[in-house]
Amino acid sequence: MRQMKTLPNFVNEVLQEWDFVAFFAYDGFATSGRGVVGLTRGDEGTQVMYGPRAYFEKLGDTKVLGMLDVYDPETEFLVHFDALEGSRTVRVRTPENGRHPKRVWFFEMLRRASEEPDELPEHLPEWFIDAIDALCRARKDEAESGSRGF
């Protein structure tokens, strides 16, 4: 991903780790609903957190609430950070030919399901469970047709 010149360096550094931030954003969406990836810079480096919609409702931040209403969590996410000019929220879209946040999340959860099942969250979205069921059926069908010589 190319650097965005208008963003502070610490924000650009986090966005260079696309799979991490895309997974984090979609995971926050899957568990808490629409929200914002918050970045703060401190003595111990950059901290990453997920701010759900309710947080911005409490603040009465109508600008961020408007952005939350229109972003597409499957293909983009919002990043909130402090800059010299004050707090900013930007909408980050998946780069051309990039891996969408939902896709990054799906393949990480698929990896966990096969390699680290204890690392799966307690509640998974219905669409994910349906996709796993479809994969299992396809593997079963493939194994059955292969054993018959088709």
N, C-alpha and C. Protein backbone atom coordinates (compact mmCIF):
# COMPACT_ATOMS: atom_id res chain seq x y z
N MET A 1 0.84 -1.17 0.00
CA MET A 1 0.00 0.00 0.00
C MET A 1 0.89 1.24 0.00
N ARG A 2 0.58 2.20 -0.84
CA ARG A 2 1.40 3.42 -0.88
C ARG A 2 1.08 4.30 0.32
N GLN A 3 2.08 5.04 0.77
CA GLN A 3 1.87 5.92 1.92
C GLN A 3 0.97 7.07 1.55
N MET A 4 0.14 7.45 2.51
CA MET A 4 -0.72 8.61 2.35
C MET A 4 0.02 9.79 2.96
N LYS A 5 0.32 10.80 2.15
CA LYS A 5 1.15 11.91 2.60
C LYS A 5 0.48 12.77 3.66
N THR A 6 -0.83 12.79 3.73
CA THR A 6 -1.52 13.67 4.67
C THR A 6 -1.69 13.05 6.05
N LEU A 7 -1.24 11.84 6.24
CA LEU A 7 -1.40 11.16 7.52
C LEU A 7 -0.10 11.20 8.31
N PRO A 8 -0.20 11.25 9.64
CA PRO A 8 1.02 11.18 10.45
C PRO A 8 1.77 9.87 10.21
N ASN A 9 3.07 9.89 10.42
CA ASN A 9 3.89 8.69 10.17
C ASN A 9 3.40 7.48 10.94
N PHE A 10 3.01 7.64 12.21
CA PHE A 10 2.59 6.47 12.99
C PHE A 10 1.34 5.83 12.40
N VAL A 11 0.46 6.61 11.78
CA VAL A 11 -0.74 6.06 11.14
C VAL A 11 -0.33 5.31 9.88
N ASN A 12 0.53 5.91 9.08
CA ASN A 12 1.02 5.22 7.88
C ASN A 12 1.72 3.92 8.22
N GLU A 13 2.49 3.91 9.31
CA GLU A 13 3.19 2.68 9.71
C GLU A 13 2.21 1.57 10.02
N VAL A 14 1.13 1.89 10.73
CA VAL A 14 0.11 0.88 11.04
C VAL A 14 -0.56 0.40 9.76
N LEU A 15 -0.88 1.32 8.86
CA LEU A 15 -1.57 0.94 7.62
C LEU A 15 -0.69 0.11 6.69
N GLN A 16 0.63 0.15 6.88
CA GLN A 16 1.53 -0.70 6.11
C GLN A 16 1.35 -2.17 6.47
N GLU A 17 0.83 -2.40 7.66
CA GLU A 17 0.54 -3.77 8.12
C GLU A 17 -0.91 -4.10 7.78
N TRP A 18 -1.19 -4.12 6.48
CA TRP A 18 -2.57 -4.21 5.99
C TRP A 18 -3.34 -5.37 6.58
N ASP A 19 -2.80 -6.58 6.52
CA ASP A 19 -3.55 -7.74 7.00
C ASP A 19 -3.89 -7.59 8.48
N PHE A 20 -2.97 -7.06 9.28
CA PHE A 20 -3.24 -6.88 10.70
C PHE A 20 -4.40 -5.91 10.91
N VAL A 21 -4.32 -4.73 10.32
CA VAL A 21 -5.35 -3.73 10.58
C VAL A 21 -6.67 -4.11 9.92
N ALA A 22 -6.64 -4.73 8.74
CA ALA A 22 -7.87 -5.17 8.08
C ALA A 22 -8.56 -6.24 8.93
N PHE A 23 -7.78 -7.20 9.44
CA PHE A 23 -8.36 -8.22 10.31
C PHE A 23 -8.93 -7.59 11.57
N PHE A 24 -8.16 -6.72 12.21
CA PHE A 24 -8.58 -6.07 13.44
C PHE A 24 -9.89 -5.30 13.23
N ALA A 25 -9.98 -4.57 12.13
CA ALA A 25 -11.18 -3.78 11.84
C ALA A 25 -12.39 -4.68 11.63
N TYR A 26 -12.23 -5.73 10.82
CA TYR A 26 -13.39 -6.58 10.55
C TYR A 26 -13.76 -7.40 11.78
N ASP A 27 -12.77 -7.82 12.56
CA ASP A 27 -13.05 -8.55 13.79
C ASP A 27 -13.84 -7.67 14.76
N GLY A 28 -13.46 -6.40 14.86
CA GLY A 28 -14.22 -5.47 15.69
C GLY A 28 -15.64 -5.33 15.20
N PHE A 29 -15.81 -5.24 13.89
CA PHE A 29 -17.15 -5.15 13.30
C PHE A 29 -17.95 -6.43 13.61
N ALA A 30 -17.31 -7.59 13.45
CA ALA A 30 -18.01 -8.86 13.65
C ALA A 30 -18.45 -9.04 15.11
N THR A 31 -17.68 -8.51 16.05
CA THR A 31 -18.00 -8.70 17.46
C THR A 31 -18.76 -7.54 18.09
N SER A 32 -18.54 -6.31 17.58
CA SER A 32 -19.13 -5.13 18.23
C SER A 32 -19.97 -4.26 17.31
N GLY A 33 -20.08 -4.63 16.04
CA GLY A 33 -20.83 -3.80 15.10
C GLY A 33 -19.95 -2.71 14.51
N ARG A 34 -20.58 -1.80 13.81
CA ARG A 34 -19.83 -0.72 13.16
C ARG A 34 -19.02 0.05 14.19
N GLY A 35 -17.80 0.38 13.79
CA GLY A 35 -16.91 1.10 14.69
C GLY A 35 -15.69 1.61 13.97
N VAL A 36 -14.76 2.12 14.74
CA VAL A 36 -13.58 2.79 14.22
C VAL A 36 -12.33 2.17 14.84
N VAL A 37 -11.31 1.96 14.02
CA VAL A 37 -10.01 1.56 14.54
C VAL A 37 -9.34 2.82 15.08
N GLY A 38 -9.09 2.84 16.38
CA GLY A 38 -8.46 4.00 17.01
C GLY A 38 -6.98 3.77 17.19
N LEU A 39 -6.18 4.77 16.85
CA LEU A 39 -4.74 4.69 17.00
C LEU A 39 -4.28 5.81 17.92
N THR A 40 -3.49 5.46 18.92
CA THR A 40 -2.88 6.47 19.77
C THR A 40 -1.40 6.18 19.87
N ARG A 41 -0.65 7.24 19.93
CA ARG A 41 0.80 7.09 20.02
C ARG A 41 1.24 7.49 21.42
N GLY A 42 2.01 6.62 22.05
CA GLY A 42 2.49 6.89 23.39
C GLY A 42 3.94 6.48 23.55
N ASP A 43 4.41 6.50 24.78
CA ASP A 43 5.80 6.15 25.07
C ASP A 43 6.12 4.71 24.69
N GLU A 44 5.13 3.85 24.73
CA GLU A 44 5.34 2.44 24.43
C GLU A 44 5.01 2.09 22.99
N GLY A 45 4.88 3.08 22.14
CA GLY A 45 4.56 2.84 20.74
C GLY A 45 3.11 3.14 20.43
N THR A 46 2.65 2.63 19.32
CA THR A 46 1.28 2.88 18.88
C THR A 46 0.34 1.84 19.46
N GLN A 47 -0.73 2.31 20.05
CA GLN A 47 -1.77 1.43 20.59
C GLN A 47 -2.93 1.39 19.59
N VAL A 48 -3.49 0.20 19.40
CA VAL A 48 -4.60 0.03 18.48
C VAL A 48 -5.80 -0.45 19.29
N MET A 49 -6.94 0.20 19.09
CA MET A 49 -8.16 -0.21 19.80
C MET A 49 -9.35 -0.09 18.84
N TYR A 50 -10.46 -0.65 19.24
CA TYR A 50 -11.68 -0.57 18.42
C TYR A 50 -12.71 0.23 19.18
N GLY A 51 -13.17 1.31 18.59
CA GLY A 51 -14.19 2.15 19.20
C GLY A 51 -15.53 1.91 18.54
N PRO A 52 -16.45 1.23 19.23
CA PRO A 52 -17.76 0.96 18.63
C PRO A 52 -18.59 2.23 18.50
N ARG A 53 -19.62 2.15 17.70
CA ARG A 53 -20.51 3.27 17.42
C ARG A 53 -21.00 3.95 18.70
N ALA A 54 -21.33 3.16 19.72
CA ALA A 54 -21.86 3.72 20.97
C ALA A 54 -20.91 4.75 21.58
N TYR A 55 -19.62 4.55 21.44
CA TYR A 55 -18.64 5.49 21.97
C TYR A 55 -18.81 6.86 21.32
N PHE A 56 -18.97 6.88 20.01
CA PHE A 56 -19.10 8.14 19.29
C PHE A 56 -20.49 8.76 19.49
N GLU A 57 -21.48 7.92 19.77
CA GLU A 57 -22.80 8.44 20.12
C GLU A 57 -22.73 9.19 21.45
N LYS A 58 -22.01 8.62 22.43
CA LYS A 58 -21.83 9.29 23.72
C LYS A 58 -21.12 10.64 23.55
N LEU A 59 -20.14 10.68 22.66
CA LEU A 59 -19.41 11.92 22.41
C LEU A 59 -20.24 12.93 21.62
N GLY A 60 -21.28 12.43 20.96
CA GLY A 60 -22.08 13.31 20.10
C GLY A 60 -21.32 13.72 18.85
N ASP A 61 -20.40 12.87 18.40
CA ASP A 61 -19.57 13.18 17.23
C ASP A 61 -20.33 12.84 15.95
N THR A 62 -21.10 13.80 15.46
CA THR A 62 -21.97 13.55 14.30
C THR A 62 -21.17 13.28 13.03
N LYS A 63 -19.97 13.85 12.91
CA LYS A 63 -19.15 13.60 11.72
C LYS A 63 -18.76 12.13 11.65
N VAL A 64 -18.24 11.59 12.76
CA VAL A 64 -17.84 10.18 12.77
C VAL A 64 -19.08 9.29 12.62
N LEU A 65 -20.17 9.64 13.27
CA LEU A 65 -21.40 8.84 13.15
C LEU A 65 -21.87 8.78 11.69
N GLY A 66 -21.76 9.90 10.99
CA GLY A 66 -22.12 9.90 9.57
C GLY A 66 -21.22 8.99 8.76
N MET A 67 -19.93 8.99 9.08
CA MET A 67 -18.99 8.10 8.38
C MET A 67 -19.29 6.64 8.69
N LEU A 68 -19.67 6.37 9.94
CA LEU A 68 -20.01 5.00 10.34
C LEU A 68 -21.23 4.49 9.57
N ASP A 69 -22.14 5.38 9.25
CA ASP A 69 -23.36 4.99 8.53
C ASP A 69 -23.09 4.57 7.09
N VAL A 70 -22.02 5.08 6.48
CA VAL A 70 -21.85 4.86 5.05
C VAL A 70 -20.67 3.97 4.66
N TYR A 71 -19.73 3.71 5.58
CA TYR A 71 -18.59 2.89 5.15
C TYR A 71 -19.03 1.43 4.99
N ASP A 72 -18.33 0.70 4.15
CA ASP A 72 -18.63 -0.71 3.88
C ASP A 72 -17.61 -1.57 4.63
N PRO A 73 -18.01 -2.17 5.77
CA PRO A 73 -17.04 -2.91 6.58
C PRO A 73 -16.42 -4.12 5.87
N GLU A 74 -17.02 -4.57 4.78
CA GLU A 74 -16.44 -5.69 4.05
C GLU A 74 -15.23 -5.26 3.23
N THR A 75 -15.19 -4.01 2.81
CA THR A 75 -14.13 -3.58 1.91
C THR A 75 -13.33 -2.37 2.41
N GLU A 76 -13.74 -1.78 3.54
CA GLU A 76 -13.06 -0.61 4.05
C GLU A 76 -13.23 -0.51 5.56
N PHE A 77 -12.49 0.41 6.16
CA PHE A 77 -12.61 0.63 7.60
C PHE A 77 -12.30 2.09 7.88
N LEU A 78 -12.65 2.52 9.08
CA LEU A 78 -12.37 3.88 9.52
C LEU A 78 -11.24 3.86 10.53
N VAL A 79 -10.36 4.86 10.43
CA VAL A 79 -9.24 5.00 11.36
C VAL A 79 -9.35 6.36 12.02
N HIS A 80 -9.29 6.38 13.35
CA HIS A 80 -9.40 7.61 14.14
C HIS A 80 -8.08 7.82 14.88
N PHE A 81 -7.56 9.06 14.83
CA PHE A 81 -6.28 9.35 15.46
C PHE A 81 -6.19 10.84 15.75
N ASP A 82 -5.25 11.19 16.59
CA ASP A 82 -4.97 12.60 16.87
C ASP A 82 -3.83 13.06 15.99
N ALA A 83 -3.99 14.26 15.44
CA ALA A 83 -2.96 14.88 14.62
C ALA A 83 -2.77 16.31 15.10
N LEU A 84 -1.84 17.01 14.53
CA LEU A 84 -1.58 18.39 14.95
C LEU A 84 -2.83 19.25 14.87
N GLU A 85 -3.66 19.01 13.87
CA GLU A 85 -4.87 19.80 13.69
C GLU A 85 -6.05 19.30 14.51
N GLY A 86 -5.84 18.29 15.35
CA GLY A 86 -6.90 17.74 16.19
C GLY A 86 -7.23 16.31 15.82
N SER A 87 -8.29 15.79 16.38
CA SER A 87 -8.71 14.41 16.07
C SER A 87 -9.20 14.33 14.64
N ARG A 88 -8.82 13.25 13.98
CA ARG A 88 -9.25 13.01 12.60
C ARG A 88 -9.74 11.59 12.46
N THR A 89 -10.67 11.40 11.56
CA THR A 89 -11.14 10.08 11.18
C THR A 89 -11.08 10.00 9.67
N VAL A 90 -10.46 8.95 9.17
CA VAL A 90 -10.34 8.77 7.72
C VAL A 90 -10.94 7.42 7.34
N ARG A 91 -11.46 7.39 6.14
CA ARG A 91 -12.03 6.17 5.57
C ARG A 91 -10.95 5.53 4.70
N VAL A 92 -10.61 4.29 4.99
CA VAL A 92 -9.55 3.59 4.26
C VAL A 92 -10.18 2.48 3.44
N ARG A 93 -10.02 2.58 2.14
CA ARG A 93 -10.58 1.57 1.23
C ARG A 93 -9.50 0.55 0.88
N THR A 94 -9.92 -0.66 0.59
CA THR A 94 -8.98 -1.69 0.16
C THR A 94 -8.30 -1.23 -1.13
N PRO A 95 -6.98 -1.31 -1.17
CA PRO A 95 -6.27 -0.92 -2.40
C PRO A 95 -6.65 -1.84 -3.56
N GLU A 96 -6.51 -1.32 -4.76
CA GLU A 96 -6.79 -2.13 -5.95
C GLU A 96 -5.96 -3.41 -5.87
N ASN A 97 -6.60 -4.53 -6.13
CA ASN A 97 -5.99 -5.86 -6.05
C ASN A 97 -5.58 -6.23 -4.63
N GLY A 98 -6.06 -5.52 -3.63
CA GLY A 98 -5.77 -5.84 -2.24
C GLY A 98 -6.77 -6.84 -1.67
N ARG A 99 -6.47 -7.29 -0.49
CA ARG A 99 -7.35 -8.25 0.20
C ARG A 99 -8.32 -7.47 1.09
N HIS A 100 -9.60 -7.63 0.83
CA HIS A 100 -10.64 -6.95 1.59
C HIS A 100 -10.64 -7.39 3.05
N PRO A 101 -11.01 -6.50 3.98
CA PRO A 101 -11.04 -6.88 5.40
C PRO A 101 -11.84 -8.16 5.68
N LYS A 102 -12.99 -8.31 5.04
CA LYS A 102 -13.78 -9.52 5.29
C LYS A 102 -13.02 -10.76 4.82
N ARG A 103 -12.32 -10.65 3.70
CA ARG A 103 -11.55 -11.78 3.18
C ARG A 103 -10.38 -12.12 4.11
N VAL A 104 -9.66 -11.08 4.58
CA VAL A 104 -8.56 -11.30 5.51
C VAL A 104 -9.08 -12.01 6.75
N TRP A 105 -10.20 -11.54 7.28
CA TRP A 105 -10.81 -12.12 8.47
C TRP A 105 -11.21 -13.58 8.22
N PHE A 106 -11.88 -13.83 7.08
CA PHE A 106 -12.34 -15.18 6.74
C PHE A 106 -11.18 -16.17 6.72
N PHE A 107 -10.11 -15.83 6.02
CA PHE A 107 -9.00 -16.78 5.89
C PHE A 107 -8.24 -16.96 7.20
N GLU A 108 -8.18 -15.92 8.03
CA GLU A 108 -7.56 -16.08 9.34
C GLU A 108 -8.42 -17.00 10.21
N MET A 109 -9.72 -16.84 10.18
CA MET A 109 -10.60 -17.71 10.98
C MET A 109 -10.58 -19.14 10.44
N LEU A 110 -10.48 -19.28 9.13
CA LEU A 110 -10.37 -20.61 8.54
C LEU A 110 -9.08 -21.28 9.00
N ARG A 111 -7.98 -20.51 9.03
CA ARG A 111 -6.71 -21.04 9.52
C ARG A 111 -6.84 -21.46 10.98
N ARG A 112 -7.45 -20.61 11.78
CA ARG A 112 -7.62 -20.94 13.19
C ARG A 112 -8.48 -22.19 13.37
N ALA A 113 -9.52 -22.31 12.57
CA ALA A 113 -10.41 -23.47 12.68
C ALA A 113 -9.64 -24.77 12.45
N SER A 114 -8.68 -24.75 11.51
CA SER A 114 -7.96 -25.98 11.22
C SER A 114 -6.71 -26.16 12.08
N GLU A 115 -6.05 -25.05 12.48
CA GLU A 115 -4.79 -25.15 13.21
C GLU A 115 -4.89 -24.84 14.70
N GLU A 116 -5.79 -23.96 15.07
CA GLU A 116 -5.90 -23.50 16.46
C GLU A 116 -7.37 -23.33 16.85
N PRO A 117 -8.13 -24.40 16.87
CA PRO A 117 -9.57 -24.25 17.13
C PRO A 117 -9.89 -23.57 18.47
N ASP A 118 -9.00 -23.66 19.43
CA ASP A 118 -9.23 -22.98 20.71
C ASP A 118 -9.14 -21.46 20.59
N GLU A 119 -8.56 -20.98 19.50
CA GLU A 119 -8.41 -19.54 19.27
C GLU A 119 -9.60 -18.92 18.54
N LEU A 120 -10.60 -19.73 18.21
CA LEU A 120 -11.80 -19.19 17.57
C LEU A 120 -12.66 -18.46 18.60
N PRO A 121 -13.29 -17.37 18.18
CA PRO A 121 -14.19 -16.69 19.11
C PRO A 121 -15.39 -17.57 19.44
N GLU A 122 -16.02 -17.28 20.55
CA GLU A 122 -17.17 -18.07 20.99
C GLU A 122 -18.32 -17.98 20.00
N HIS A 123 -18.54 -16.80 19.46
CA HIS A 123 -19.64 -16.59 18.50
C HIS A 123 -19.07 -16.21 17.15
N LEU A 124 -19.47 -16.94 16.14
CA LEU A 124 -19.04 -16.66 14.78
C LEU A 124 -20.25 -16.25 13.95
N PRO A 125 -20.06 -15.37 12.97
CA PRO A 125 -21.20 -14.96 12.13
C PRO A 125 -21.79 -16.15 11.38
N GLU A 126 -23.08 -16.09 11.17
CA GLU A 126 -23.80 -17.16 10.47
C GLU A 126 -23.22 -17.39 9.07
N TRP A 127 -22.84 -16.32 8.37
CA TRP A 127 -22.29 -16.48 7.03
C TRP A 127 -21.00 -17.30 7.05
N PHE A 128 -20.20 -17.15 8.12
CA PHE A 128 -18.96 -17.90 8.23
C PHE A 128 -19.25 -19.38 8.45
N ILE A 129 -20.18 -19.67 9.33
CA ILE A 129 -20.56 -21.06 9.61
C ILE A 129 -21.12 -21.71 8.35
N ASP A 130 -21.95 -20.98 7.59
CA ASP A 130 -22.49 -21.50 6.33
C ASP A 130 -21.36 -21.79 5.33
N ALA A 131 -20.37 -20.90 5.27
CA ALA A 131 -19.25 -21.11 4.35
C ALA A 131 -18.44 -22.35 4.75
N ILE A 132 -18.22 -22.54 6.03
CA ILE A 132 -17.49 -23.73 6.51
C ILE A 132 -18.28 -24.99 6.18
N ASP A 133 -19.59 -24.96 6.40
CA ASP A 133 -20.44 -26.11 6.06
C ASP A 133 -20.35 -26.42 4.57
N ALA A 134 -20.38 -25.40 3.73
CA ALA A 134 -20.28 -25.60 2.28
C ALA A 134 -18.93 -26.20 1.91
N LEU A 135 -17.85 -25.73 2.53
CA LEU A 135 -16.53 -26.30 2.28
C LEU A 135 -16.46 -27.77 2.69
N CYS A 136 -17.04 -28.09 3.82
CA CYS A 136 -17.04 -29.48 4.30
C CYS A 136 -17.83 -30.38 3.35
N ARG A 137 -18.98 -29.88 2.88
CA ARG A 137 -19.78 -30.66 1.92
C ARG A 137 -19.00 -30.87 0.62
N ALA A 138 -18.33 -29.82 0.15
CA ALA A 138 -17.55 -29.93 -1.10
C ALA A 138 -16.42 -30.93 -0.94
N ARG A 139 -15.74 -30.91 0.20
CA ARG A 139 -14.65 -31.88 0.44
C ARG A 139 -15.19 -33.30 0.51
N LYS A 140 -16.33 -33.45 1.17
CA LYS A 140 -16.95 -34.78 1.28
C LYS A 140 -17.34 -35.28 -0.11
N ASP A 141 -17.97 -34.41 -0.92
CA ASP A 141 -18.37 -34.80 -2.27
C ASP A 141 -17.16 -35.15 -3.12
N GLU A 142 -16.09 -34.39 -2.98
CA GLU A 142 -14.86 -34.65 -3.73
C GLU A 142 -14.26 -35.98 -3.31
N ALA A 143 -14.24 -36.25 -2.02
CA ALA A 143 -13.68 -37.51 -1.53
C ALA A 143 -14.52 -38.70 -2.01
N GLU A 144 -15.85 -38.54 -1.98
CA GLU A 144 -16.72 -39.63 -2.42
C GLU A 144 -16.59 -39.88 -3.92
N SER A 145 -16.53 -38.83 -4.70
CA SER A 145 -16.41 -39.02 -6.17
C SER A 145 -15.03 -39.54 -6.52
N GLY A 146 -14.01 -39.18 -5.78
CA GLY A 146 -12.66 -39.65 -6.02
C GLY A 146 -12.51 -41.13 -5.71
N SER A 147 -13.24 -41.60 -4.67
CA SER A 147 -13.12 -43.00 -4.29
C SER A 147 -13.83 -43.91 -5.26
N ARG A 148 -14.75 -43.34 -6.08
CA ARG A 148 -15.47 -44.15 -7.07
C ARG A 148 -14.79 -44.11 -8.44
N GLY A 149 -13.71 -43.35 -8.54
CA GLY A 149 -12.99 -43.29 -9.80
C GLY A 149 -13.55 -42.30 -10.78
N PHE A 150 -14.37 -41.37 -10.36
CA PHE A 150 -14.94 -40.36 -11.28
C PHE A 150 -13.93 -39.33 -11.60
